[in-house]
Amino acid sequence: MNISDLNQLRTLFAEHSNEYLAQKMKAYMRNQFEFFGIQSPLRKELTKKFLDEHDFPTEDQVVEVITKLWSMNERELQNAALQIMDMRKRKFHLDDIKLIEQMIINKSWWDTVDHIASNHAGHYFSKYPEQRNIADEWIQSDNFWLQRTAILFQLKYKLDTDVDRLFHYIQLTADSNEFFIQKAIGWSLRQYSKYNPESVIRFVQSNTLSNLSRREALKIINKTTQNIS
């Protein structure tokens, strides 16, 4: 693949644009990004078709390819970059954390950040657990998207969750007024409550959390309790 080929992907997307859907998608994302108006199944299909025709980027090309897609205007092109990352995450090498971080802090919104957190950062830190000190830096960052990623990267770890680290991160950010941090705290606790509800109950009872975080954290536990009673 040549970097110039990415303009052909943009052209391919433009040929399948839908102005009505584009305006709805843009409004849903609070008018922060432009859209072609391509829904996810078609966008994935078009991206796969493009990669089949132009070859998957080599390891020497992939950072430049993803960076280029990230710099383009339409949100579907960032989604294409995420799709490429999904396809190569088993090949992540040590330096890929730099690319992951750049994707988190640029053109940031929940749609990309949450995908990166649970799929890319999560996979990376599972493969390179000795690198989790980077997440320790993220949770101390002034960038709340990095903080959110630090809280959420273990979403798929189930019983392998580093509970001490998760609880410590939550304690460090529990007084945040940022909606996306409060929501992330609740989401991470709710997810872990599927595997260790007693631990989550004890943590929520012994720590001061926002109403949003507390409500989200106990959602599954409370529903289960109601069903039993």
Protein backbone atom coordinates (compact mmCIF):
# COMPACT_ATOMS: atom_id res chain seq x y z
CA MET A 1 0.00 0.00 0.00
CA ASN A 2 1.11 3.54 -0.79
CA ILE A 3 0.08 6.39 1.47
CA SER A 4 -1.40 8.12 -1.57
CA ASP A 5 -3.78 5.15 -1.91
CA LEU A 6 -5.65 6.43 1.14
CA ASN A 7 -7.11 9.18 -1.02
CA GLN A 8 -8.80 6.41 -2.98
CA LEU A 9 -10.37 5.12 0.24
CA ARG A 10 -11.70 8.60 0.90
CA THR A 11 -13.09 8.70 -2.65
CA LEU A 12 -14.68 5.28 -2.14
CA PHE A 13 -16.37 6.50 1.02
CA ALA A 14 -17.53 9.68 -0.72
CA GLU A 15 -19.17 7.60 -3.45
CA HIS A 16 -21.32 5.96 -0.76
CA SER A 17 -22.13 9.12 1.18
CA ASN A 18 -25.61 9.83 2.50
CA GLU A 19 -26.25 13.46 3.35
CA TYR A 20 -29.28 12.72 5.52
CA LEU A 21 -27.37 10.20 7.65
CA ALA A 22 -24.30 12.43 7.67
CA GLN A 23 -26.27 15.26 9.30
CA LYS A 24 -27.80 12.92 11.86
CA MET A 25 -24.39 11.46 12.75
CA LYS A 26 -22.84 14.90 12.99
CA ALA A 27 -25.59 16.11 15.32
CA TYR A 28 -25.24 12.98 17.48
CA MET A 29 -21.55 13.79 17.90
CA ARG A 30 -22.41 17.38 18.86
CA ASN A 31 -21.22 18.75 15.51
CA GLN A 32 -17.59 18.03 16.32
CA PHE A 33 -16.83 15.93 13.23
CA GLU A 34 -17.77 15.70 9.59
CA PHE A 35 -19.34 12.51 8.28
CA PHE A 36 -19.97 10.80 4.98
CA GLY A 37 -23.09 9.26 6.47
CA ILE A 38 -21.95 5.63 6.11
CA GLN A 39 -23.31 3.19 8.67
CA SER A 40 -20.94 0.77 10.36
CA PRO A 41 -21.62 -2.47 8.39
CA LEU A 42 -21.12 -0.77 5.01
CA ARG A 43 -18.11 1.20 6.24
CA LYS A 44 -16.42 -2.01 7.44
CA GLU A 45 -17.22 -3.71 4.14
CA LEU A 46 -15.78 -0.83 2.10
CA THR A 47 -12.65 -0.71 4.24
CA LYS A 48 -12.11 -4.45 3.83
CA LYS A 49 -12.62 -4.15 0.07
CA PHE A 50 -10.03 -1.37 -0.07
CA LEU A 51 -7.51 -3.37 1.97
CA ASP A 52 -8.05 -6.46 -0.21
CA GLU A 53 -7.33 -4.40 -3.32
CA HIS A 54 -4.41 -2.35 -1.99
CA ASP A 55 -2.88 -4.82 0.48
CA PHE A 56 -2.77 -4.47 4.21
CA PRO A 57 -0.13 -1.94 5.31
CA THR A 58 3.19 -3.46 6.28
CA GLU A 59 4.60 -2.88 9.75
CA ASP A 60 6.84 -0.22 8.25
CA GLN A 61 3.79 1.58 6.86
CA VAL A 62 1.10 1.09 9.46
CA VAL A 63 1.89 4.03 11.77
CA GLU A 64 1.97 6.42 8.83
CA VAL A 65 -1.25 4.95 7.40
CA ILE A 66 -3.16 5.27 10.67
CA THR A 67 -1.76 8.76 11.34
CA LYS A 68 -2.85 9.85 7.87
CA LEU A 69 -6.36 8.46 8.30
CA TRP A 70 -6.58 10.13 11.71
CA SER A 71 -5.74 13.49 10.15
CA MET A 72 -8.58 13.35 7.60
CA ASN A 73 -11.81 15.23 8.22
CA GLU A 74 -14.53 12.61 8.11
CA ARG A 75 -15.12 10.40 11.14
CA GLU A 76 -15.49 7.26 9.05
CA LEU A 77 -11.81 7.53 8.19
CA GLN A 78 -10.86 7.42 11.87
CA ASN A 79 -13.14 4.36 12.11
CA ALA A 80 -11.19 2.80 9.23
CA ALA A 81 -7.99 3.41 11.19
CA LEU A 82 -9.51 1.66 14.20
CA GLN A 83 -10.45 -1.27 11.96
CA ILE A 84 -6.85 -1.56 10.79
CA MET A 85 -5.66 -1.47 14.39
CA ASP A 86 -8.16 -4.21 15.26
CA MET A 87 -6.76 -6.38 12.48
CA ARG A 88 -3.14 -6.00 13.57
CA LYS A 89 -3.36 -5.84 17.36
CA ARG A 90 -1.97 -9.37 17.72
CA LYS A 91 1.23 -7.96 16.20
CA PHE A 92 1.49 -5.00 18.59
CA HIS A 93 5.09 -4.26 19.48
CA LEU A 94 6.48 -2.30 22.39
CA ASP A 95 6.53 1.09 20.67
CA ASP A 96 2.87 0.90 19.61
CA ILE A 97 1.85 2.53 22.87
CA LYS A 98 3.03 5.82 21.36
CA LEU A 99 0.58 5.43 18.48
CA ILE A 100 -2.20 4.36 20.85
CA GLU A 101 -1.65 7.45 22.99
CA GLN A 102 -1.69 9.77 19.98
CA MET A 103 -4.99 8.26 18.86
CA ILE A 104 -6.45 8.85 22.31
CA ILE A 105 -5.49 12.51 22.60
CA ASN A 106 -6.24 13.60 19.02
CA LYS A 107 -9.80 14.02 17.71
CA SER A 108 -10.93 12.64 21.05
CA TRP A 109 -14.48 11.62 21.77
CA TRP A 110 -16.08 8.62 23.44
CA ASP A 111 -16.64 6.72 20.17
CA THR A 112 -12.94 6.36 19.40
CA VAL A 113 -11.49 6.56 22.92
CA ASP A 114 -13.65 3.78 24.34
CA HIS A 115 -12.80 1.47 21.44
CA ILE A 116 -9.10 2.20 21.84
CA ALA A 117 -9.28 1.73 25.62
CA SER A 118 -10.89 -1.70 25.67
CA ASN A 119 -9.50 -3.12 22.42
CA HIS A 120 -6.10 -1.55 21.80
CA ALA A 121 -4.77 -0.29 25.15
CA GLY A 122 -6.35 -3.30 26.84
CA HIS A 123 -4.69 -5.75 24.46
CA TYR A 124 -1.37 -3.90 24.61
CA PHE A 125 -1.18 -3.89 28.42
CA SER A 126 -2.21 -7.55 28.49
CA LYS A 127 0.64 -8.37 26.11
CA TYR A 128 3.13 -6.07 27.85
CA PRO A 129 2.05 -5.93 31.53
CA GLU A 130 5.40 -4.41 32.47
CA GLN A 131 4.28 -1.30 30.56
CA ARG A 132 1.27 -0.59 32.77
CA ASN A 133 3.25 2.14 34.47
CA ILE A 134 2.28 4.18 31.41
CA ALA A 135 -1.35 3.89 32.51
CA ASP A 136 -0.15 5.13 35.92
CA GLU A 137 1.03 8.25 34.10
CA TRP A 138 -2.23 8.57 32.20
CA ILE A 139 -4.36 8.56 35.34
CA GLN A 140 -2.30 11.51 36.64
CA SER A 141 -2.64 13.39 33.34
CA ASP A 142 -4.54 16.64 32.82
CA ASN A 143 -6.11 14.98 29.77
CA PHE A 144 -9.31 13.32 30.96
CA TRP A 145 -9.41 11.06 27.87
CA LEU A 146 -6.13 9.52 29.00
CA GLN A 147 -7.58 9.20 32.49
CA ARG A 148 -10.71 7.55 31.07
CA THR A 149 -8.57 5.10 29.11
CA ALA A 150 -6.59 4.20 32.22
CA ILE A 151 -9.82 3.43 34.06
CA LEU A 152 -11.35 1.45 31.19
CA PHE A 153 -8.49 -0.54 29.66
CA GLN A 154 -9.22 -3.59 31.84
CA LEU A 155 -12.89 -3.85 30.79
CA LYS A 156 -12.31 -7.22 29.10
CA TYR A 157 -9.93 -8.66 31.69
CA LYS A 158 -12.68 -10.33 33.75
CA LEU A 159 -11.05 -12.20 36.69
CA ASP A 160 -7.61 -11.16 35.44
CA THR A 161 -8.38 -7.56 36.38
CA ASP A 162 -5.69 -5.91 38.46
CA VAL A 163 -8.19 -4.85 41.11
CA ASP A 164 -5.74 -2.88 43.23
CA ARG A 165 -4.75 -0.79 40.22
CA LEU A 166 -8.37 -0.26 39.15
CA PHE A 167 -9.49 0.79 42.62
CA HIS A 168 -6.47 3.06 43.01
CA TYR A 169 -7.22 4.79 39.70
CA ILE A 170 -10.81 5.33 40.77
CA GLN A 171 -9.75 6.77 44.12
CA LEU A 172 -7.44 9.20 42.32
CA THR A 173 -10.26 10.49 40.10
CA ALA A 174 -13.34 10.02 42.31
CA ASP A 175 -13.67 13.75 42.99
CA SER A 176 -13.66 14.65 39.29
CA ASN A 177 -16.60 16.69 38.03
CA GLU A 178 -16.01 15.46 34.49
CA PHE A 179 -18.96 13.41 33.22
CA PHE A 180 -16.76 11.08 31.19
CA ILE A 181 -14.66 10.23 34.24
CA GLN A 182 -17.65 9.67 36.51
CA LYS A 183 -19.23 7.47 33.85
CA ALA A 184 -15.99 5.51 33.32
CA ILE A 185 -15.71 4.84 37.05
CA GLY A 186 -19.22 3.45 37.16
CA TRP A 187 -18.77 1.44 33.97
CA SER A 188 -15.52 -0.18 35.11
CA LEU A 189 -17.00 -1.12 38.48
CA ARG A 190 -20.20 -2.41 36.89
CA GLN A 191 -18.19 -4.59 34.53
CA TYR A 192 -16.05 -6.01 37.33
CA SER A 193 -19.16 -6.62 39.44
CA LYS A 194 -20.06 -9.41 36.99
CA TYR A 195 -17.11 -11.38 38.35
CA ASN A 196 -16.66 -10.14 41.92
CA PRO A 197 -19.79 -8.33 43.14
CA GLU A 198 -18.78 -8.51 46.81
CA SER A 199 -15.56 -6.63 46.15
CA VAL A 200 -17.41 -3.90 44.25
CA ILE A 201 -20.02 -3.53 47.00
CA ARG A 202 -17.30 -3.14 49.63
CA PHE A 203 -15.46 -0.59 47.52
CA VAL A 204 -18.54 1.49 46.80
CA GLN A 205 -19.57 1.45 50.46
CA SER A 206 -16.14 2.52 51.70
CA ASN A 207 -15.39 5.26 49.14
CA THR A 208 -17.01 8.56 48.26
CA LEU A 209 -18.21 8.39 44.66
CA SER A 210 -20.44 10.64 42.59
CA ASN A 211 -24.08 9.67 42.35
CA LEU A 212 -23.56 8.79 38.69
CA SER A 213 -20.57 6.54 39.40
CA ARG A 214 -22.33 4.83 42.30
CA ARG A 215 -25.53 4.27 40.33
CA GLU A 216 -23.68 2.80 37.36
CA ALA A 217 -21.42 0.66 39.56
CA LEU A 218 -24.32 -1.04 41.33
CA LYS A 219 -26.67 -1.39 38.38
CA ILE A 220 -26.16 -5.11 37.79
CA ILE A 221 -25.94 -5.89 41.51
CA ASN A 222 -29.18 -4.06 42.27
CA LYS A 223 -30.97 -5.68 39.35
CA THR A 224 -29.85 -9.12 40.51
CA THR A 225 -30.98 -8.38 44.05
CA GLN A 226 -34.39 -7.24 42.84
CA ASN A 227 -34.83 -10.38 40.75
CA ILE A 228 -33.98 -12.60 43.72
CA SER A 229 -36.37 -10.79 46.03
